[in-house]
Amino acid sequence: MKRFRLKDTSDLTDSEYQDYILQGVSRTFALTIPQLSKELVQVVGNAYLWCRIADTIEDDPKLGLALKKQFSEQLPGFLGSQEPMDTWVAELRLHLHSDTAPAELDLIDNSQRILRLFCSFSLAQQRIIGQCVATMVQGMMHYQAHQPHSGLPNMRAFNDYCYHVAGIVGEMLTLLHCDYSSKIRHNKAQLMPLAVSFGQGLQMTNILKDIWQDQGRDICWLPQDIFSKYNIDLQDLSNHCSNPDFHLGVRELVVIAHEHLQDALHYTLMTPKVEQGYRNFCLWAIGMALLTLKNIHKQPDFQHSSQIKISRNKVKIIFLVTRIIGRSNGLVKLFFKRIARGLP
């Protein structure tokens, strides 16, 4: 994909602007969201952008906790009241760090356009997205108030964090698809817990991939109880990069993440075969996560995420093969078994 460049968007419709800025804030979702049914492309893209705005506020190194809490907790209110966001945007922009990605700043500057598009969705879709953003913000602010410089205390806290930043997104996507399709709605009871596990698998992969990037910001999302078994104190994380005992803890989390991604595959194969786009959307995410986990498992002493980055050719293979075999549960299982070969 070509490098994203900001441009004058004043002549774009709200829908065109959303498609444009999605390419700037997430190349992955800019590729996968268009695979969905046309009735859901705008809705899911819009939902993702609200989550991205919340994430931008949470990650900003310049904003203090009080300001993060103020701006974050105000965000879901706009989705409920649909009041103009201009004043909120102007105040937030005064405080955001100058190093914030230009595309993310542009998204915040154009929040009102994203809100107008949001208001065009059905009331059911608005409620689903609004509840997701509210729950996500609540969880983010809880963990910002207890920001883990030396890891989360245990797997229970780790799972709770993953739910609030990713599992809730899995639930939201499932509810949006249940609202859209009666065939998917038929399996709602079985899909909902798998959706949370799906989100956790992806989030765990990201946490493992970004260990050292987060550590550079004096943040650690790893669960201390896992590493205590190997006599590793996460407070001294920077000293453990080459420690074989630390690598044992990393590999144990790889196993757990792999189990969640198996749930993600089960979730995907439970969706109707006629929903090829949704299947592709899920399978692409699972495939890329599995390949990343394999790289982490092979090289647990990596020091930068670039060292475990998956190649473009492998990504293209996943995209191509799943498009061809996506309607066959048997072939999908065989293909993903091959992708995961070597993972414990």
Protein backbone atom coordinates (compact mmCIF):
# COMPACT_ATOMS: atom_id res chain seq x y z
CA MET A 1 0.00 0.00 0.00
CA LYS A 2 1.24 3.49 -0.83
CA ARG A 3 2.43 5.73 1.98
CA PHE A 4 -0.46 7.76 3.37
CA ARG A 5 -0.32 11.51 2.79
CA LEU A 6 -2.70 14.06 4.26
CA LYS A 7 -4.63 16.15 1.74
CA ASP A 8 -7.37 18.75 1.62
CA THR A 9 -10.60 16.86 2.32
CA SER A 10 -13.05 19.76 2.31
CA ASP A 11 -14.63 18.53 -0.92
CA LEU A 12 -15.20 14.98 0.37
CA THR A 13 -18.51 13.73 1.71
CA ASP A 14 -18.54 12.41 5.27
CA SER A 15 -18.53 8.86 3.95
CA GLU A 16 -15.64 9.56 1.58
CA TYR A 17 -13.69 11.23 4.39
CA GLN A 18 -14.17 8.19 6.64
CA ASP A 19 -12.83 5.85 3.94
CA TYR A 20 -9.90 8.19 3.38
CA ILE A 21 -8.83 8.65 7.01
CA LEU A 22 -9.20 4.95 7.77
CA GLN A 23 -6.25 4.37 5.43
CA GLY A 24 -4.21 6.80 7.51
CA VAL A 25 -4.92 5.45 10.97
CA SER A 26 -4.97 1.73 10.16
CA ARG A 27 -3.72 0.13 6.97
CA THR A 28 -4.85 -3.26 8.23
CA PHE A 29 -8.46 -2.24 8.81
CA ALA A 30 -8.47 -0.20 5.61
CA LEU A 31 -7.85 -3.54 3.86
CA THR A 32 -10.14 -5.78 5.90
CA ILE A 33 -13.25 -3.66 6.56
CA PRO A 34 -14.12 -3.37 2.84
CA GLN A 35 -14.44 -7.17 2.82
CA LEU A 36 -17.62 -6.91 4.90
CA SER A 37 -21.12 -6.77 3.49
CA LYS A 38 -21.72 -3.34 1.98
CA GLU A 39 -24.44 -2.67 4.56
CA LEU A 40 -21.83 -2.90 7.33
CA VAL A 41 -18.70 -1.37 5.81
CA GLN A 42 -19.55 2.19 6.88
CA VAL A 43 -20.87 1.12 10.28
CA VAL A 44 -17.82 -0.95 11.25
CA GLY A 45 -15.42 1.65 9.85
CA ASN A 46 -17.16 4.32 11.90
CA ALA A 47 -17.05 2.18 15.04
CA TYR A 48 -13.34 1.56 14.58
CA LEU A 49 -12.63 5.30 14.28
CA TRP A 50 -14.38 6.05 17.59
CA CYS A 51 -12.23 3.39 19.24
CA ARG A 52 -9.17 4.93 17.61
CA ILE A 53 -10.00 8.38 18.96
CA ALA A 54 -10.33 6.89 22.46
CA ASP A 55 -7.01 5.10 21.98
CA THR A 56 -5.27 8.29 20.84
CA ILE A 57 -6.34 10.05 24.04
CA GLU A 58 -5.24 7.13 26.20
CA ASP A 59 -1.79 6.87 24.60
CA ASP A 60 -0.92 10.57 24.58
CA PRO A 61 2.22 11.13 26.73
CA LYS A 62 1.48 14.84 27.26
CA LEU A 63 -2.02 14.47 28.70
CA GLY A 64 -2.15 14.01 32.45
CA LEU A 65 -4.54 11.52 34.00
CA ALA A 66 -7.14 14.18 34.90
CA LEU A 67 -7.31 15.47 31.32
CA LYS A 68 -7.36 11.97 29.85
CA LYS A 69 -10.24 11.11 32.15
CA GLN A 70 -12.08 14.33 31.26
CA PHE A 71 -11.82 13.99 27.48
CA SER A 72 -12.33 10.23 27.43
CA GLU A 73 -15.43 10.25 29.60
CA GLN A 74 -16.96 13.03 27.51
CA LEU A 75 -16.49 11.09 24.26
CA PRO A 76 -19.34 8.51 24.64
CA GLY A 77 -21.68 11.36 25.57
CA PHE A 78 -21.48 12.77 22.07
CA LEU A 79 -22.62 9.43 20.64
CA GLY A 80 -25.62 9.51 22.93
CA SER A 81 -26.58 13.20 22.74
CA GLN A 82 -25.21 13.87 19.22
CA GLU A 83 -24.31 17.39 20.32
CA PRO A 84 -21.69 19.34 18.30
CA MET A 85 -18.09 18.36 19.09
CA ASP A 86 -16.34 21.55 17.98
CA THR A 87 -15.57 22.89 21.47
CA TRP A 88 -14.41 19.48 22.70
CA VAL A 89 -12.13 19.09 19.68
CA ALA A 90 -10.62 22.57 20.11
CA GLU A 91 -9.86 21.98 23.79
CA LEU A 92 -8.41 18.51 23.18
CA ARG A 93 -6.16 19.75 20.38
CA LEU A 94 -4.61 22.30 22.74
CA HIS A 95 -3.33 19.48 24.94
CA LEU A 96 -2.35 16.71 22.53
CA HIS A 97 1.34 15.98 22.06
CA SER A 98 2.93 17.48 18.96
CA ASP A 99 4.31 14.06 18.00
CA THR A 100 0.82 12.55 17.65
CA ALA A 101 0.46 10.97 14.21
CA PRO A 102 -0.85 13.54 11.69
CA ALA A 103 -3.63 11.20 10.54
CA GLU A 104 -4.86 10.79 14.13
CA LEU A 105 -4.88 14.57 14.63
CA ASP A 106 -6.78 14.96 11.36
CA LEU A 107 -9.32 12.39 12.53
CA ILE A 108 -9.90 14.30 15.76
CA ASP A 109 -10.17 17.57 13.84
CA ASN A 110 -12.93 15.96 11.75
CA SER A 111 -14.76 14.20 14.59
CA GLN A 112 -17.94 16.08 13.73
CA ARG A 113 -17.98 14.46 10.29
CA ILE A 114 -17.64 11.02 11.85
CA LEU A 115 -20.47 11.90 14.25
CA ARG A 116 -22.74 12.99 11.40
CA LEU A 117 -22.20 9.65 9.71
CA PHE A 118 -22.82 7.86 13.00
CA CYS A 119 -26.18 9.65 13.29
CA SER A 120 -27.25 8.15 9.94
CA PHE A 121 -27.11 4.59 11.31
CA SER A 122 -30.05 2.74 12.83
CA LEU A 123 -30.77 3.27 16.52
CA ALA A 124 -29.75 -0.32 17.23
CA GLN A 125 -26.37 0.20 15.54
CA GLN A 126 -25.85 3.47 17.41
CA ARG A 127 -26.57 1.79 20.75
CA ILE A 128 -24.16 -1.07 20.04
CA ILE A 129 -21.31 1.25 19.07
CA GLY A 130 -22.04 3.69 21.90
CA GLN A 131 -21.99 0.94 24.54
CA CYS A 132 -18.69 -0.41 23.19
CA VAL A 133 -17.01 3.00 23.32
CA ALA A 134 -18.36 3.69 26.83
CA THR A 135 -17.12 0.33 28.16
CA MET A 136 -13.76 0.72 26.44
CA VAL A 137 -13.22 4.21 27.86
CA GLN A 138 -14.19 3.05 31.35
CA GLY A 139 -11.63 0.24 31.25
CA MET A 140 -8.90 2.39 29.72
CA MET A 141 -9.25 5.03 32.42
CA HIS A 142 -9.22 2.42 35.18
CA TYR A 143 -5.88 1.09 33.95
CA GLN A 144 -4.55 4.59 33.30
CA ALA A 145 -5.22 5.38 36.97
CA HIS A 146 -3.30 2.22 37.91
CA GLN A 147 -0.80 2.48 35.07
CA PRO A 148 1.37 -0.63 35.24
CA HIS A 149 5.04 0.31 35.19
CA SER A 150 5.94 -3.14 36.48
CA GLY A 151 3.26 -5.27 34.84
CA LEU A 152 -0.28 -6.23 35.77
CA PRO A 153 -0.48 -8.25 39.00
CA ASN A 154 -1.93 -11.45 37.57
CA MET A 155 -3.74 -13.13 34.69
CA ARG A 156 -7.10 -12.05 36.08
CA ALA A 157 -6.17 -8.38 35.72
CA PHE A 158 -4.53 -9.13 32.37
CA ASN A 159 -7.72 -10.77 31.05
CA ASP A 160 -9.81 -7.87 32.34
CA TYR A 161 -7.57 -5.36 30.57
CA CYS A 162 -7.74 -7.34 27.32
CA TYR A 163 -11.53 -7.44 27.57
CA HIS A 164 -11.86 -3.68 27.94
CA VAL A 165 -9.60 -2.84 25.00
CA ALA A 166 -10.29 -5.76 22.63
CA GLY A 167 -12.84 -8.28 23.86
CA ILE A 168 -15.50 -5.59 23.92
CA VAL A 169 -14.72 -4.88 20.27
CA GLY A 170 -15.31 -8.56 19.46
CA GLU A 171 -18.66 -8.33 21.20
CA MET A 172 -19.54 -5.15 19.31
CA LEU A 173 -18.73 -6.65 15.91
CA THR A 174 -20.76 -9.75 16.74
CA LEU A 175 -23.76 -7.70 17.87
CA LEU A 176 -23.59 -5.57 14.72
CA HIS A 177 -23.54 -8.70 12.58
CA CYS A 178 -26.36 -10.30 14.58
CA ASP A 179 -28.40 -7.15 14.02
CA TYR A 180 -27.64 -7.38 10.29
CA SER A 181 -28.08 -11.14 9.72
CA SER A 182 -30.69 -13.48 11.17
CA LYS A 183 -28.44 -16.43 10.25
CA ILE A 184 -25.62 -15.09 12.41
CA ARG A 185 -28.11 -14.14 15.13
CA HIS A 186 -29.15 -17.79 15.31
CA ASN A 187 -25.71 -18.62 16.83
CA LYS A 188 -25.44 -15.52 19.02
CA ALA A 189 -25.26 -17.40 22.34
CA GLN A 190 -22.28 -19.47 21.18
CA LEU A 191 -20.58 -16.63 19.31
CA MET A 192 -20.49 -14.01 22.08
CA PRO A 193 -17.98 -15.74 24.43
CA LEU A 194 -15.88 -16.79 21.45
CA ALA A 195 -15.88 -13.16 20.27
CA VAL A 196 -14.31 -12.08 23.56
CA SER A 197 -11.68 -14.81 23.25
CA PHE A 198 -11.07 -13.72 19.64
CA GLY A 199 -10.38 -10.16 20.79
CA GLN A 200 -8.09 -11.34 23.57
CA GLY A 201 -6.04 -13.46 21.17
CA LEU A 202 -5.41 -10.46 18.94
CA GLN A 203 -4.70 -8.17 21.89
CA MET A 204 -2.26 -10.64 23.50
CA THR A 205 -0.41 -10.87 20.19
CA ASN A 206 -0.11 -7.07 20.09
CA ILE A 207 1.04 -6.89 23.73
CA LEU A 208 3.74 -9.48 23.11
CA LYS A 209 4.81 -7.82 19.88
CA ASP A 210 5.04 -4.39 21.55
CA ILE A 211 6.75 -5.42 24.82
CA TRP A 212 9.83 -3.28 24.23
CA GLN A 213 8.03 -0.38 22.58
CA ASP A 214 5.77 -0.16 25.66
CA GLN A 215 8.74 -0.56 27.97
CA GLY A 216 10.30 2.48 26.30
CA ARG A 217 7.22 4.43 27.48
CA ASP A 218 7.65 2.96 30.99
CA ILE A 219 4.56 0.76 30.58
CA CYS A 220 4.24 -3.00 30.89
CA TRP A 221 1.02 -4.94 30.29
CA LEU A 222 2.46 -8.40 31.06
CA PRO A 223 1.01 -10.43 33.99
CA GLN A 224 3.51 -10.68 36.86
CA ASP A 225 2.21 -14.04 38.15
CA ILE A 226 3.21 -15.79 34.93
CA PHE A 227 6.77 -14.48 35.19
CA SER A 228 7.08 -14.99 38.95
CA LYS A 229 7.12 -18.73 38.24
CA TYR A 230 10.41 -18.14 36.45
CA ASN A 231 11.81 -15.74 39.10
CA ILE A 232 11.40 -12.72 36.82
CA ASP A 233 10.49 -9.35 38.32
CA LEU A 234 8.84 -7.21 35.64
CA GLN A 235 9.92 -4.08 37.50
CA ASP A 236 13.38 -4.83 36.08
CA LEU A 237 12.04 -5.72 32.63
CA SER A 238 14.78 -3.90 30.72
CA ASN A 239 17.36 -6.25 32.25
CA HIS A 240 15.60 -9.42 31.11
CA CYS A 241 15.61 -9.10 27.33
CA SER A 242 18.25 -11.84 26.97
CA ASN A 243 17.23 -13.86 30.02
CA PRO A 244 16.16 -17.43 29.07
CA ASP A 245 13.81 -17.48 32.07
CA PHE A 246 12.00 -14.40 30.75
CA HIS A 247 11.67 -16.16 27.40
CA LEU A 248 9.88 -19.04 29.16
CA GLY A 249 7.24 -16.61 30.39
CA VAL A 250 6.87 -15.11 26.94
CA ARG A 251 6.41 -18.56 25.42
CA GLU A 252 3.78 -19.45 28.03
CA LEU A 253 1.79 -16.37 26.97
CA VAL A 254 2.25 -17.40 23.33
CA VAL A 255 0.55 -20.71 24.19
CA ILE A 256 -2.38 -18.92 25.83
CA ALA A 257 -2.72 -16.50 22.91
CA HIS A 258 -2.67 -19.44 20.50
CA GLU A 259 -5.55 -21.05 22.42
CA HIS A 260 -7.57 -17.86 22.06
CA LEU A 261 -6.87 -17.76 18.34
CA GLN A 262 -8.16 -21.33 18.07
CA ASP A 263 -11.39 -19.99 19.58
CA ALA A 264 -11.25 -17.22 16.99
CA LEU A 265 -11.08 -19.80 14.20
CA HIS A 266 -14.00 -21.72 15.73
CA TYR A 267 -15.93 -18.43 15.87
CA THR A 268 -15.24 -17.75 12.21
CA LEU A 269 -16.28 -21.21 11.06
CA MET A 270 -19.59 -20.82 12.91
CA THR A 271 -20.54 -17.84 10.75
CA PRO A 272 -22.64 -18.64 7.66
CA LYS A 273 -20.64 -19.62 4.60
CA VAL A 274 -22.56 -17.09 2.54
CA GLU A 275 -20.96 -14.34 4.65
CA GLN A 276 -17.68 -14.71 2.75
CA GLY A 277 -16.64 -11.12 3.41
CA TYR A 278 -17.02 -11.45 7.18
CA ARG A 279 -15.14 -14.73 7.10
CA ASN A 280 -12.28 -13.09 5.21
CA PHE A 281 -12.31 -10.19 7.68
CA CYS A 282 -11.83 -12.66 10.54
CA LEU A 283 -9.48 -15.11 8.83
CA TRP A 284 -7.06 -12.39 7.73
CA ALA A 285 -6.76 -11.11 11.30
CA ILE A 286 -6.28 -14.63 12.69
CA GLY A 287 -3.71 -15.55 10.07
CA MET A 288 -1.57 -12.46 10.65
CA ALA A 289 -1.73 -12.97 14.42
CA LEU A 290 -0.69 -16.64 14.12
CA LEU A 291 2.30 -15.75 11.95
CA THR A 292 3.34 -13.06 14.43
CA LEU A 293 3.07 -15.50 17.35
CA LYS A 294 5.23 -17.99 15.44
CA ASN A 295 7.91 -15.35 14.97
CA ILE A 296 7.80 -14.46 18.69
CA HIS A 297 8.01 -18.13 19.66
CA LYS A 298 11.04 -18.63 17.39
CA GLN A 299 12.75 -15.44 18.55
CA PRO A 300 11.68 -14.61 22.13
CA ASP A 301 14.84 -12.51 22.58
CA PHE A 302 13.70 -9.96 19.98
CA GLN A 303 14.33 -6.35 20.98
CA HIS A 304 12.13 -4.53 18.47
CA SER A 305 8.84 -5.41 16.80
CA SER A 306 10.47 -5.01 13.38
CA GLN A 307 12.47 -8.19 14.10
CA ILE A 308 9.30 -10.28 14.26
CA LYS A 309 7.33 -8.50 11.56
CA ILE A 310 5.66 -10.85 9.08
CA SER A 311 6.53 -10.48 5.43
CA ARG A 312 4.19 -8.93 2.87
CA ASN A 313 4.38 -12.10 0.80
CA LYS A 314 3.01 -14.20 3.67
CA VAL A 315 0.21 -11.71 4.21
CA LYS A 316 -0.65 -11.84 0.50
CA ILE A 317 -0.74 -15.65 0.63
CA ILE A 318 -3.25 -15.55 3.52
CA PHE A 319 -5.42 -13.05 1.66
CA LEU A 320 -5.35 -15.03 -1.58
CA VAL A 321 -5.85 -18.53 -0.17
CA THR A 322 -8.70 -17.58 2.18
CA ARG A 323 -10.53 -15.88 -0.69
CA ILE A 324 -10.39 -19.17 -2.57
CA ILE A 325 -11.16 -21.66 0.22
CA GLY A 326 -13.12 -19.46 2.65
CA ARG A 327 -16.43 -21.26 2.15
CA SER A 328 -14.97 -24.68 3.02
CA ASN A 329 -14.60 -25.27 6.75
CA GLY A 330 -12.46 -28.34 6.14
CA LEU A 331 -9.98 -26.58 3.86
CA VAL A 332 -9.81 -23.56 6.17
CA LYS A 333 -8.97 -25.82 9.12
CA LEU A 334 -6.20 -27.54 7.14
CA PHE A 335 -4.75 -24.24 5.92
CA PHE A 336 -4.67 -22.69 9.39
CA LYS A 337 -3.25 -25.86 10.90
CA ARG A 338 -0.39 -25.45 8.44
CA ILE A 339 0.02 -21.76 9.31
CA ALA A 340 0.17 -22.60 13.04
CA ARG A 341 2.64 -25.47 12.59
CA GLY A 342 5.38 -25.12 15.18
CA LEU A 343 3.28 -23.20 17.67
CA PRO A 344 2.90 -25.01 21.01
